[in-house]
C-alpha cells in the first residue's frame, strides 16, 4: 500500500512539491526518498539525477526566488548533498524552473544610489542580552490557492519573538517598510541602540528603507553576498514556521491566509516552548524577565 502511494507521489512531482504530496498522502519525505533510492527501474546515474531533481523541485517550491547557487547551499543544509553549481543549474534546466534575477543598474554614482549596502555588523553573533537589542528580518514565500504571497518578519534574537510581520501578494518596498515602521515606533521606548540585520535584498537596500532606519538611529547590518548563514536564525525560523503552518494549521484548507498566519505567529510567540528559554515561549519569557 505505501509503495503504491510513493509511486503516485513520483508521478506527480513534475506538478507539485514532494513536501506537499507527502503531506497529502500522509507519508514522510525521508521514507519517500529512501524508496526512490531503492527503485530498480533506473540505473545509478538516472537514480541520482531523479533524486536530485526531486530535491531541487522541493526547494524551489518553497523558495521560488532562489537561483541555482542558493539552491545548492540549501541542498547541503537540508539534505546533506554536496553538488556543484553547474549540476544544480542543469537540474533546474531539466525541470524548466528558474529563480528570480534582480535587474540592477550598471552604474550608480553620487547621492542617487538606488540600493545601498552595509557591512555585516552582526557577524553571526546571534546572542542578545536584552529585548530589542538585535533584530533580524527576512522575506519568505507561501503559495496559497495557486497564488504566491510574500511574508516579511522581524525577529528579536533575545527570545526568538516575532515582533512585527506583514503579508502581501506584492513583492515591493512596502512589504518590509510597513512592519519596520511599526517596530521602530516601539524602539522609542528603549534607551539602547538597536541593531537590525537583513540580507542584501532590494527592499532592504532601498534608499527609503535605509533612511527610515537612520531616522530612528538604528544600526543597519547586512549579510554578505551569497552567505545565507549570516542570517541563519531567521532562515531557520521560517523553515520551522512554514513546516508548522503546513502540518498543524493546514493553511491550504483555509480561505483566509492572513488569519491563519496570525494564529501561527501567536502560537510561536505565546505557546510554543523554546529550549534556550528554559522551555518557555518567547513572550512569557520576556514578560517574566522584565516584570
C-alpha atoms as a PDB file:
ATOM      1  CA  UNK A   1       0.000   0.000   0.000  1.00  0.00           C
ATOM      2  CA  UNK A   2       2.682   2.503   0.982  1.00  0.00           C
ATOM      3  CA  UNK A   3       4.737   1.654  -2.118  1.00  0.00           C
ATOM      4  CA  UNK A   4       1.716   2.492  -4.243  1.00  0.00           C
ATOM      5  CA  UNK A   5       1.475   5.877  -2.520  1.00  0.00           C
ATOM      6  CA  UNK A   6       5.170   6.508  -3.170  1.00  0.00           C
ATOM      7  CA  UNK A   7       4.611   5.628  -6.828  1.00  0.00           C
ATOM      8  CA  UNK A   8       1.691   8.071  -7.032  1.00  0.00           C
ATOM      9  CA  UNK A   9       3.839  10.793  -5.472  1.00  0.00           C
ATOM     10  CA  UNK A  10       6.578  10.126  -8.022  1.00  0.00           C
ATOM     11  CA  UNK A  11       4.094  10.550 -10.880  1.00  0.00           C
ATOM     12  CA  UNK A  12       3.068  13.993  -9.640  1.00  0.00           C
ATOM     13  CA  UNK A  13       6.446  15.514  -8.734  1.00  0.00           C
ATOM     14  CA  UNK A  14       6.537  17.457 -12.000  1.00  0.00           C
ATOM     15  CA  UNK A  15       3.471  19.436 -10.878  1.00  0.00           C
ATOM     16  CA  UNK A  16       3.708  19.526  -7.076  1.00  0.00           C
ATOM     17  CA  UNK A  17       6.480  19.574  -4.484  1.00  0.00           C
ATOM     18  CA  UNK A  18       7.445  16.391  -2.653  1.00  0.00           C
ATOM     19  CA  UNK A  19       6.614  18.059   0.687  1.00  0.00           C
ATOM     20  CA  UNK A  20       3.055  18.856  -0.376  1.00  0.00           C
ATOM     21  CA  UNK A  21       2.468  15.396  -1.850  1.00  0.00           C
ATOM     22  CA  UNK A  22       3.881  13.606   1.203  1.00  0.00           C
ATOM     23  CA  UNK A  23       1.627  15.727   3.419  1.00  0.00           C
ATOM     24  CA  UNK A  24      -1.425  14.843   1.305  1.00  0.00           C
ATOM     25  CA  UNK A  25      -0.636  11.105   1.258  1.00  0.00           C
ATOM     26  CA  UNK A  26       0.372  11.070   4.927  1.00  0.00           C
ATOM     27  CA  UNK A  27       3.889   9.733   4.429  1.00  0.00           C
ATOM     28  CA  UNK A  28       7.311  11.119   5.344  1.00  0.00           C
ATOM     29  CA  UNK A  29       9.682  12.764   2.893  1.00  0.00           C
ATOM     30  CA  UNK A  30      12.581  10.649   4.173  1.00  0.00           C
ATOM     31  CA  UNK A  31      10.590   7.466   3.545  1.00  0.00           C
ATOM     32  CA  UNK A  32       9.759   8.573   0.021  1.00  0.00           C
ATOM     33  CA  UNK A  33      13.372   9.398  -0.797  1.00  0.00           C
ATOM     34  CA  UNK A  34      14.556   6.053   0.597  1.00  0.00           C
ATOM     35  CA  UNK A  35      12.010   4.306  -1.621  1.00  0.00           C
ATOM     36  CA  UNK A  36      13.186   6.382  -4.560  1.00  0.00           C
ATOM     37  CA  UNK A  37      16.791   5.332  -3.940  1.00  0.00           C
ATOM     38  CA  UNK A  38      15.750   1.666  -3.883  1.00  0.00           C
ATOM     39  CA  UNK A  39      13.743   1.937  -7.108  1.00  0.00           C
ATOM     40  CA  UNK A  40      15.229  -0.611  -9.515  1.00  0.00           C
ATOM     41  CA  UNK A  41      13.954   0.692 -12.825  1.00  0.00           C
ATOM     42  CA  UNK A  42      16.705   3.330 -13.170  1.00  0.00           C
ATOM     43  CA  UNK A  43      20.454   2.949 -13.499  1.00  0.00           C
ATOM     44  CA  UNK A  44      22.708   4.595 -10.906  1.00  0.00           C
ATOM     45  CA  UNK A  45      23.204   7.765 -12.972  1.00  0.00           C
ATOM     46  CA  UNK A  46      19.479   8.141 -13.642  1.00  0.00           C
ATOM     47  CA  UNK A  47      18.613   7.462  -9.993  1.00  0.00           C
ATOM     48  CA  UNK A  48      20.974  10.163  -8.775  1.00  0.00           C
ATOM     49  CA  UNK A  49      19.541  12.747 -11.128  1.00  0.00           C
ATOM     50  CA  UNK A  50      15.958  11.730 -10.399  1.00  0.00           C
ATOM     51  CA  UNK A  51      16.528  12.192  -6.667  1.00  0.00           C
ATOM     52  CA  UNK A  52      18.435  15.431  -7.183  1.00  0.00           C
ATOM     53  CA  UNK A  53      15.616  16.797  -9.351  1.00  0.00           C
ATOM     54  CA  UNK A  54      13.106  15.940  -6.616  1.00  0.00           C
ATOM     55  CA  UNK A  55      15.196  17.779  -4.022  1.00  0.00           C
ATOM     56  CA  UNK A  56      15.653  20.806  -6.294  1.00  0.00           C
ATOM     57  CA  UNK A  57      11.942  20.993  -7.123  1.00  0.00           C
ATOM     58  CA  UNK A  58      11.099  20.649  -3.433  1.00  0.00           C
ATOM     59  CA  UNK A  59      13.353  23.587  -2.504  1.00  0.00           C
ATOM     60  CA  UNK A  60      12.149  25.669  -5.461  1.00  0.00           C
ATOM     61  CA  UNK A  61       8.511  25.191  -4.441  1.00  0.00           C
ATOM     62  CA  UNK A  62       9.261  26.762  -1.049  1.00  0.00           C
ATOM     63  CA  UNK A  63      11.794  29.336  -2.263  1.00  0.00           C
ATOM     64  CA  UNK A  64      10.799  30.266  -5.843  1.00  0.00           C
ATOM     65  CA  UNK A  65      13.096  33.302  -5.857  1.00  0.00           C
ATOM     66  CA  UNK A  66      16.266  31.252  -5.268  1.00  0.00           C
ATOM     67  CA  UNK A  67      18.799  30.790  -8.045  1.00  0.00           C
ATOM     68  CA  UNK A  68      20.961  27.717  -8.568  1.00  0.00           C
ATOM     69  CA  UNK A  69      23.711  28.903  -6.186  1.00  0.00           C
ATOM     70  CA  UNK A  70      21.286  29.366  -3.276  1.00  0.00           C
ATOM     71  CA  UNK A  71      19.558  26.066  -4.045  1.00  0.00           C
ATOM     72  CA  UNK A  72      22.964  24.354  -3.980  1.00  0.00           C
ATOM     73  CA  UNK A  73      23.514  25.776  -0.473  1.00  0.00           C
ATOM     74  CA  UNK A  74      20.054  24.579   0.602  1.00  0.00           C
ATOM     75  CA  UNK A  75      20.774  21.085  -0.750  1.00  0.00           C
ATOM     76  CA  UNK A  76      23.716  20.850   1.633  1.00  0.00           C
ATOM     77  CA  UNK A  77      21.967  22.449   4.619  1.00  0.00           C
ATOM     78  CA  UNK A  78      18.701  20.477   4.368  1.00  0.00           C
ATOM     79  CA  UNK A  79      19.700  17.172   2.745  1.00  0.00           C
ATOM     80  CA  UNK A  80      23.472  16.925   3.139  1.00  0.00           C
ATOM     81  CA  UNK A  81      24.032  16.758  -0.621  1.00  0.00           C
ATOM     82  CA  UNK A  82      27.327  18.197  -1.890  1.00  0.00           C
ATOM     83  CA  UNK A  83      26.974  19.085  -5.572  1.00  0.00           C
ATOM     84  CA  UNK A  84      28.440  21.725  -7.859  1.00  0.00           C
ATOM     85  CA  UNK A  85      26.740  24.867  -9.141  1.00  0.00           C
ATOM     86  CA  UNK A  86      26.626  23.533 -12.739  1.00  0.00           C
ATOM     87  CA  UNK A  87      24.960  20.301 -11.558  1.00  0.00           C
ATOM     88  CA  UNK A  88      22.154  22.252  -9.890  1.00  0.00           C
ATOM     89  CA  UNK A  89      21.873  24.544 -12.909  1.00  0.00           C
ATOM     90  CA  UNK A  90      21.432  21.509 -15.197  1.00  0.00           C
ATOM     91  CA  UNK A  91      18.806  20.084 -12.847  1.00  0.00           C
ATOM     92  CA  UNK A  92      16.829  23.334 -12.947  1.00  0.00           C
ATOM     93  CA  UNK A  93      17.139  23.343 -16.732  1.00  0.00           C
ATOM     94  CA  UNK A  94      15.717  19.790 -16.880  1.00  0.00           C
ATOM     95  CA  UNK A  95      12.843  20.847 -14.632  1.00  0.00           C
ATOM     96  CA  UNK A  96      12.315  24.071 -16.613  1.00  0.00           C
ATOM     97  CA  UNK A  97      12.400  26.203 -13.488  1.00  0.00           C
ATOM     98  CA  UNK A  98      14.444  29.269 -12.676  1.00  0.00           C
ATOM     99  CA  UNK A  99      14.952  31.695  -9.826  1.00  0.00           C
ATOM    100  CA  UNK A 100      14.231  35.389  -9.787  1.00  0.00           C
ATOM    101  CA  UNK A 101      17.055  37.601 -11.022  1.00  0.00           C
ATOM    102  CA  UNK A 102      17.209  41.205  -9.874  1.00  0.00           C
ATOM    103  CA  UNK A 103      17.861  43.771 -12.545  1.00  0.00           C
ATOM    104  CA  UNK A 104      20.404  46.263 -11.309  1.00  0.00           C
ATOM    105  CA  UNK A 105      21.715  49.463 -12.727  1.00  0.00           C
ATOM    106  CA  UNK A 106      25.029  49.098 -14.488  1.00  0.00           C
ATOM    107  CA  UNK A 107      26.451  52.134 -12.685  1.00  0.00           C
ATOM    108  CA  UNK A 108      25.367  54.334  -9.818  1.00  0.00           C
ATOM    109  CA  UNK A 109      27.216  57.380  -8.565  1.00  0.00           C
ATOM    110  CA  UNK A 110      26.764  60.403  -6.366  1.00  0.00           C
ATOM    111  CA  UNK A 111      23.901  60.683  -3.897  1.00  0.00           C
ATOM    112  CA  UNK A 112      21.282  58.970  -6.083  1.00  0.00           C
ATOM    113  CA  UNK A 113      22.235  55.399  -5.210  1.00  0.00           C
ATOM    114  CA  UNK A 114      19.090  53.313  -5.550  1.00  0.00           C
ATOM    115  CA  UNK A 115      20.403  50.402  -3.482  1.00  0.00           C
ATOM    116  CA  UNK A 116      22.742  50.728  -0.524  1.00  0.00           C
ATOM    117  CA  UNK A 117      24.975  48.049   1.005  1.00  0.00           C
ATOM    118  CA  UNK A 118      26.011  47.835   4.669  1.00  0.00           C
ATOM    119  CA  UNK A 119      28.664  45.757   6.425  1.00  0.00           C
ATOM    120  CA  UNK A 120      27.842  42.554   8.301  1.00  0.00           C
ATOM    121  CA  UNK A 121      27.904  44.193  11.744  1.00  0.00           C
ATOM    122  CA  UNK A 122      26.015  41.291  13.351  1.00  0.00           C
ATOM    123  CA  UNK A 123      28.795  38.932  12.200  1.00  0.00           C
ATOM    124  CA  UNK A 124      26.829  35.816  13.226  1.00  0.00           C
ATOM    125  CA  UNK A 125      26.768  36.889  16.876  1.00  0.00           C
ATOM    126  CA  UNK A 126      23.182  35.769  17.354  1.00  0.00           C
ATOM    127  CA  UNK A 127      23.034  36.098  21.146  1.00  0.00           C
ATOM    128  CA  UNK A 128      21.372  39.234  22.578  1.00  0.00           C
ATOM    129  CA  UNK A 129      21.489  40.331  26.212  1.00  0.00           C
ATOM    130  CA  UNK A 130      18.235  42.321  26.243  1.00  0.00           C
ATOM    131  CA  UNK A 131      14.994  42.717  24.264  1.00  0.00           C
ATOM    132  CA  UNK A 132      15.178  44.727  21.032  1.00  0.00           C
ATOM    133  CA  UNK A 133      18.957  44.805  21.065  1.00  0.00           C
ATOM    134  CA  UNK A 134      19.478  42.667  17.949  1.00  0.00           C
ATOM    135  CA  UNK A 135      16.713  42.094  15.410  1.00  0.00           C
ATOM    136  CA  UNK A 136      16.859  40.023  12.219  1.00  0.00           C
ATOM    137  CA  UNK A 137      14.484  40.148   9.272  1.00  0.00           C
ATOM    138  CA  UNK A 138      13.794  38.241   6.070  1.00  0.00           C
ATOM    139  CA  UNK A 139      11.079  37.596   3.485  1.00  0.00           C
ATOM    140  CA  UNK A 140       9.701  34.132   2.745  1.00  0.00           C
ATOM    141  CA  UNK A 141       7.170  32.850   0.222  1.00  0.00           C
ATOM    142  CA  UNK A 142       3.935  30.913   0.601  1.00  0.00           C
ATOM    143  CA  UNK A 143       1.734  29.519  -2.163  1.00  0.00           C
ATOM    144  CA  UNK A 144      -1.990  29.612  -1.423  1.00  0.00           C
ATOM    145  CA  UNK A 145      -4.836  28.819  -3.816  1.00  0.00           C
ATOM    146  CA  UNK A 146      -2.462  28.891  -6.765  1.00  0.00           C
ATOM    147  CA  UNK A 147      -1.027  32.301  -5.918  1.00  0.00           C
ATOM    148  CA  UNK A 148       2.272  33.347  -4.325  1.00  0.00           C
ATOM    149  CA  UNK A 149       2.252  35.507  -1.200  1.00  0.00           C
ATOM    150  CA  UNK A 150       5.214  37.186   0.472  1.00  0.00           C
ATOM    151  CA  UNK A 151       5.685  37.211   4.245  1.00  0.00           C
ATOM    152  CA  UNK A 152       8.133  39.608   5.906  1.00  0.00           C
ATOM    153  CA  UNK A 153       9.035  39.138   9.562  1.00  0.00           C
ATOM    154  CA  UNK A 154      11.163  40.845  12.231  1.00  0.00           C
ATOM    155  CA  UNK A 155      12.554  38.519  14.906  1.00  0.00           C
ATOM    156  CA  UNK A 156      14.144  39.513  18.224  1.00  0.00           C
ATOM    157  CA  UNK A 157      17.320  37.492  18.822  1.00  0.00           C
ATOM    158  CA  UNK A 158      16.854  37.896  22.564  1.00  0.00           C
ATOM    159  CA  UNK A 159      13.916  35.490  22.724  1.00  0.00           C
ATOM    160  CA  UNK A 160      13.070  34.488  19.113  1.00  0.00           C
ATOM    161  CA  UNK A 161       9.870  36.537  19.237  1.00  0.00           C
ATOM    162  CA  UNK A 162       8.308  37.770  16.009  1.00  0.00           C
ATOM    163  CA  UNK A 163       7.912  41.468  16.784  1.00  0.00           C
ATOM    164  CA  UNK A 164       6.245  42.534  13.544  1.00  0.00           C
ATOM    165  CA  UNK A 165       5.223  40.962  10.256  1.00  0.00           C
ATOM    166  CA  UNK A 166       3.445  41.756   7.012  1.00  0.00           C
ATOM    167  CA  UNK A 167       1.784  39.630   4.314  1.00  0.00           C
ATOM    168  CA  UNK A 168       1.296  40.814   0.743  1.00  0.00           C
ATOM    169  CA  UNK A 169       0.770  39.492  -2.755  1.00  0.00           C
ATOM    170  CA  UNK A 170       3.158  42.191  -3.995  1.00  0.00           C
ATOM    171  CA  UNK A 171       6.918  41.958  -3.546  1.00  0.00           C
ATOM    172  CA  UNK A 172       7.648  45.657  -3.051  1.00  0.00           C
ATOM    173  CA  UNK A 173       9.274  48.029  -0.545  1.00  0.00           C
ATOM    174  CA  UNK A 174       6.071  48.433   1.470  1.00  0.00           C
ATOM    175  CA  UNK A 175       6.274  44.738   2.382  1.00  0.00           C
ATOM    176  CA  UNK A 176       9.288  45.394   4.624  1.00  0.00           C
ATOM    177  CA  UNK A 177       8.765  49.087   5.417  1.00  0.00           C
ATOM    178  CA  UNK A 178       5.271  48.869   6.941  1.00  0.00           C
ATOM    179  CA  UNK A 179       6.256  46.409   9.709  1.00  0.00           C
ATOM    180  CA  UNK A 180       9.579  48.243  10.141  1.00  0.00           C
ATOM    181  CA  UNK A 181       7.747  51.499  10.856  1.00  0.00           C
ATOM    182  CA  UNK A 182       5.569  49.786  13.477  1.00  0.00           C
ATOM    183  CA  UNK A 183       8.648  48.174  15.001  1.00  0.00           C
ATOM    184  CA  UNK A 184      10.646  51.395  15.180  1.00  0.00           C
ATOM    185  CA  UNK A 185       7.844  53.172  16.995  1.00  0.00           C
ATOM    186  CA  UNK A 186       8.372  50.602  19.755  1.00  0.00           C
ATOM    187  CA  UNK A 187      12.086  51.453  19.751  1.00  0.00           C
ATOM    188  CA  UNK A 188      11.275  54.916  21.047  1.00  0.00           C
ATOM    189  CA  UNK A 189      10.622  53.321  24.458  1.00  0.00           C
ATOM    190  CA  UNK A 190      14.107  51.747  24.585  1.00  0.00           C
ATOM    191  CA  UNK A 191      17.233  53.544  25.758  1.00  0.00           C
ATOM    192  CA  UNK A 192      19.797  51.376  23.968  1.00  0.00           C
ATOM    193  CA  UNK A 193      20.627  51.406  20.272  1.00  0.00           C
ATOM    194  CA  UNK A 194      19.054  48.718  18.088  1.00  0.00           C
ATOM    195  CA  UNK A 195      20.897  46.615  15.504  1.00  0.00           C
ATOM    196  CA  UNK A 196      18.752  45.403  12.587  1.00  0.00           C
ATOM    197  CA  UNK A 197      20.162  42.722  10.284  1.00  0.00           C
ATOM    198  CA  UNK A 198      18.897  41.588   6.864  1.00  0.00           C
ATOM    199  CA  UNK A 199      20.158  40.202   3.583  1.00  0.00           C
ATOM    200  CA  UNK A 200      21.082  42.448   0.652  1.00  0.00           C
ATOM    201  CA  UNK A 201      17.652  42.228  -0.990  1.00  0.00           C
ATOM    202  CA  UNK A 202      16.448  45.217  -2.983  1.00  0.00           C
ATOM    203  CA  UNK A 203      13.785  46.054  -0.393  1.00  0.00           C
ATOM    204  CA  UNK A 204      16.264  46.125   2.490  1.00  0.00           C
ATOM    205  CA  UNK A 205      18.827  48.098   0.486  1.00  0.00           C
ATOM    206  CA  UNK A 206      16.417  50.686  -0.920  1.00  0.00           C
ATOM    207  CA  UNK A 207      17.046  54.319  -0.047  1.00  0.00           C
ATOM    208  CA  UNK A 208      13.620  54.622   1.594  1.00  0.00           C
ATOM    209  CA  UNK A 209      14.206  51.693   3.953  1.00  0.00           C
ATOM    210  CA  UNK A 210      17.766  52.724   4.839  1.00  0.00           C
ATOM    211  CA  UNK A 211      16.698  56.313   5.505  1.00  0.00           C
ATOM    212  CA  UNK A 212      13.898  55.082   7.771  1.00  0.00           C
ATOM    213  CA  UNK A 213      16.413  53.189   9.904  1.00  0.00           C
ATOM    214  CA  UNK A 214      18.722  56.196  10.019  1.00  0.00           C
ATOM    215  CA  UNK A 215      15.838  58.365  11.201  1.00  0.00           C
ATOM    216  CA  UNK A 216      15.483  56.131  14.272  1.00  0.00           C
ATOM    217  CA  UNK A 217      19.266  55.825  14.788  1.00  0.00           C
ATOM    218  CA  UNK A 218      19.238  52.092  14.058  1.00  0.00           C
ATOM    219  CA  UNK A 219      22.483  50.256  13.269  1.00  0.00           C
ATOM    220  CA  UNK A 220      21.896  48.574   9.918  1.00  0.00           C
ATOM    221  CA  UNK A 221      23.651  45.285   9.182  1.00  0.00           C
ATOM    222  CA  UNK A 222      23.566  43.080   6.070  1.00  0.00           C
ATOM    223  CA  UNK A 223      24.603  39.531   5.249  1.00  0.00           C
ATOM    224  CA  UNK A 224      27.485  39.135   2.871  1.00  0.00           C
ATOM    225  CA  UNK A 225      26.506  38.318  -0.703  1.00  0.00           C
ATOM    226  CA  UNK A 226      25.956  34.577  -1.129  1.00  0.00           C
ATOM    227  CA  UNK A 227      26.157  33.852   2.629  1.00  0.00           C
ATOM    228  CA  UNK A 228      22.664  32.857   3.848  1.00  0.00           C
ATOM    229  CA  UNK A 229      24.187  31.562   7.101  1.00  0.00           C
ATOM    230  CA  UNK A 230      24.863  35.176   8.073  1.00  0.00           C
ATOM    231  CA  UNK A 231      21.111  35.291   8.745  1.00  0.00           C
ATOM    232  CA  UNK A 232      20.799  31.668   9.847  1.00  0.00           C
ATOM    233  CA  UNK A 233      18.427  32.240  12.787  1.00  0.00           C
ATOM    234  CA  UNK A 234      15.799  33.942  10.644  1.00  0.00           C
ATOM    235  CA  UNK A 235      16.146  31.402   7.819  1.00  0.00           C
ATOM    236  CA  UNK A 236      15.827  28.559  10.306  1.00  0.00           C
ATOM    237  CA  UNK A 237      12.780  30.163  11.901  1.00  0.00           C
ATOM    238  CA  UNK A 238      10.950  30.488   8.585  1.00  0.00           C
ATOM    239  CA  UNK A 239      11.677  26.816   7.888  1.00  0.00           C
ATOM    240  CA  UNK A 240      10.118  25.699  11.184  1.00  0.00           C
ATOM    241  CA  UNK A 241       7.278  28.189  10.814  1.00  0.00           C
ATOM    242  CA  UNK A 242       6.220  27.010   7.363  1.00  0.00           C
ATOM    243  CA  UNK A 243       6.544  23.384   8.412  1.00  0.00           C
ATOM    244  CA  UNK A 244       4.158  24.073  11.310  1.00  0.00           C
ATOM    245  CA  UNK A 245       1.889  26.078   9.022  1.00  0.00           C
ATOM    246  CA  UNK A 246       1.546  23.010   6.801  1.00  0.00           C
ATOM    247  CA  UNK A 247       1.381  20.218   9.362  1.00  0.00           C
ATOM    248  CA  UNK A 248      -0.614  21.788  12.188  1.00  0.00           C
ATOM    249  CA  UNK A 249      -2.542  24.700  10.695  1.00  0.00           C
ATOM    250  CA  UNK A 250      -3.134  23.063   7.275  1.00  0.00           C
ATOM    251  CA  UNK A 251      -3.114  26.504   5.707  1.00  0.00           C
ATOM    252  CA  UNK A 252      -4.023  25.246   2.227  1.00  0.00           C
ATOM    253  CA  UNK A 253      -7.503  24.363   3.536  1.00  0.00           C
ATOM    254  CA  UNK A 254      -8.110  27.886   4.914  1.00  0.00           C
ATOM    255  CA  UNK A 255      -9.749  30.693   2.963  1.00  0.00           C
ATOM    256  CA  UNK A 256      -8.132  33.479   4.996  1.00  0.00           C
ATOM    257  CA  UNK A 257      -4.361  33.056   4.781  1.00  0.00           C
ATOM    258  CA  UNK A 258      -3.640  36.198   6.808  1.00  0.00           C
ATOM    259  CA  UNK A 259      -5.758  34.991   9.723  1.00  0.00           C
ATOM    260  CA  UNK A 260      -4.068  31.584   9.655  1.00  0.00           C
ATOM    261  CA  UNK A 261      -0.603  33.159   9.695  1.00  0.00           C
ATOM    262  CA  UNK A 262      -1.667  35.410  12.561  1.00  0.00           C
ATOM    263  CA  UNK A 263      -2.727  32.334  14.558  1.00  0.00           C
ATOM    264  CA  UNK A 264       0.546  30.563  13.764  1.00  0.00           C
ATOM    265  CA  UNK A 265       2.635  33.559  14.845  1.00  0.00           C
ATOM    266  CA  UNK A 266       0.647  33.794  18.069  1.00  0.00           C
ATOM    267  CA  UNK A 267       1.394  30.108  18.648  1.00  0.00           C
ATOM    268  CA  UNK A 268       5.131  30.607  18.108  1.00  0.00           C
ATOM    269  CA  UNK A 269       5.247  33.728  20.282  1.00  0.00           C
ATOM    270  CA  UNK A 270       2.994  32.657  23.143  1.00  0.00           C
ATOM    271  CA  UNK A 271       2.592  28.871  23.245  1.00  0.00           C
ATOM    272  CA  UNK A 272       5.474  27.026  21.610  1.00  0.00           C
ATOM    273  CA  UNK A 273       8.247  26.229  24.147  1.00  0.00           C
ATOM    274  CA  UNK A 274      11.820  27.195  23.258  1.00  0.00           C
ATOM    275  CA  UNK A 275      14.634  25.165  24.799  1.00  0.00           C
ATOM    276  CA  UNK A 276      17.106  28.050  25.069  1.00  0.00           C
ATOM    277  CA  UNK A 277      14.444  29.998  27.018  1.00  0.00           C
ATOM    278  CA  UNK A 278      14.249  27.284  29.696  1.00  0.00           C
ATOM    279  CA  UNK A 279      11.298  25.698  27.931  1.00  0.00           C
ATOM    280  CA  UNK A 280       9.185  28.857  27.940  1.00  0.00           C
ATOM    281  CA  UNK A 281       7.588  30.533  24.907  1.00  0.00           C
ATOM    282  CA  UNK A 282       9.141  33.865  23.802  1.00  0.00           C
ATOM    283  CA  UNK A 283       6.535  36.327  25.122  1.00  0.00           C
ATOM    284  CA  UNK A 284       6.065  34.738  28.589  1.00  0.00           C
ATOM    285  CA  UNK A 285       9.851  34.528  28.931  1.00  0.00           C
ATOM    286  CA  UNK A 286      10.257  38.226  28.147  1.00  0.00           C
ATOM    287  CA  UNK A 287       7.388  39.424  30.331  1.00  0.00           C
ATOM    288  CA  UNK A 288       8.567  37.385  33.329  1.00  0.00           C
ATOM    289  CA  UNK A 289      12.084  38.720  32.916  1.00  0.00           C
ATOM    290  CA  UNK A 290      11.125  42.391  32.815  1.00  0.00           C
ATOM    291  CA  UNK A 291       8.401  42.130  35.469  1.00  0.00           C
END
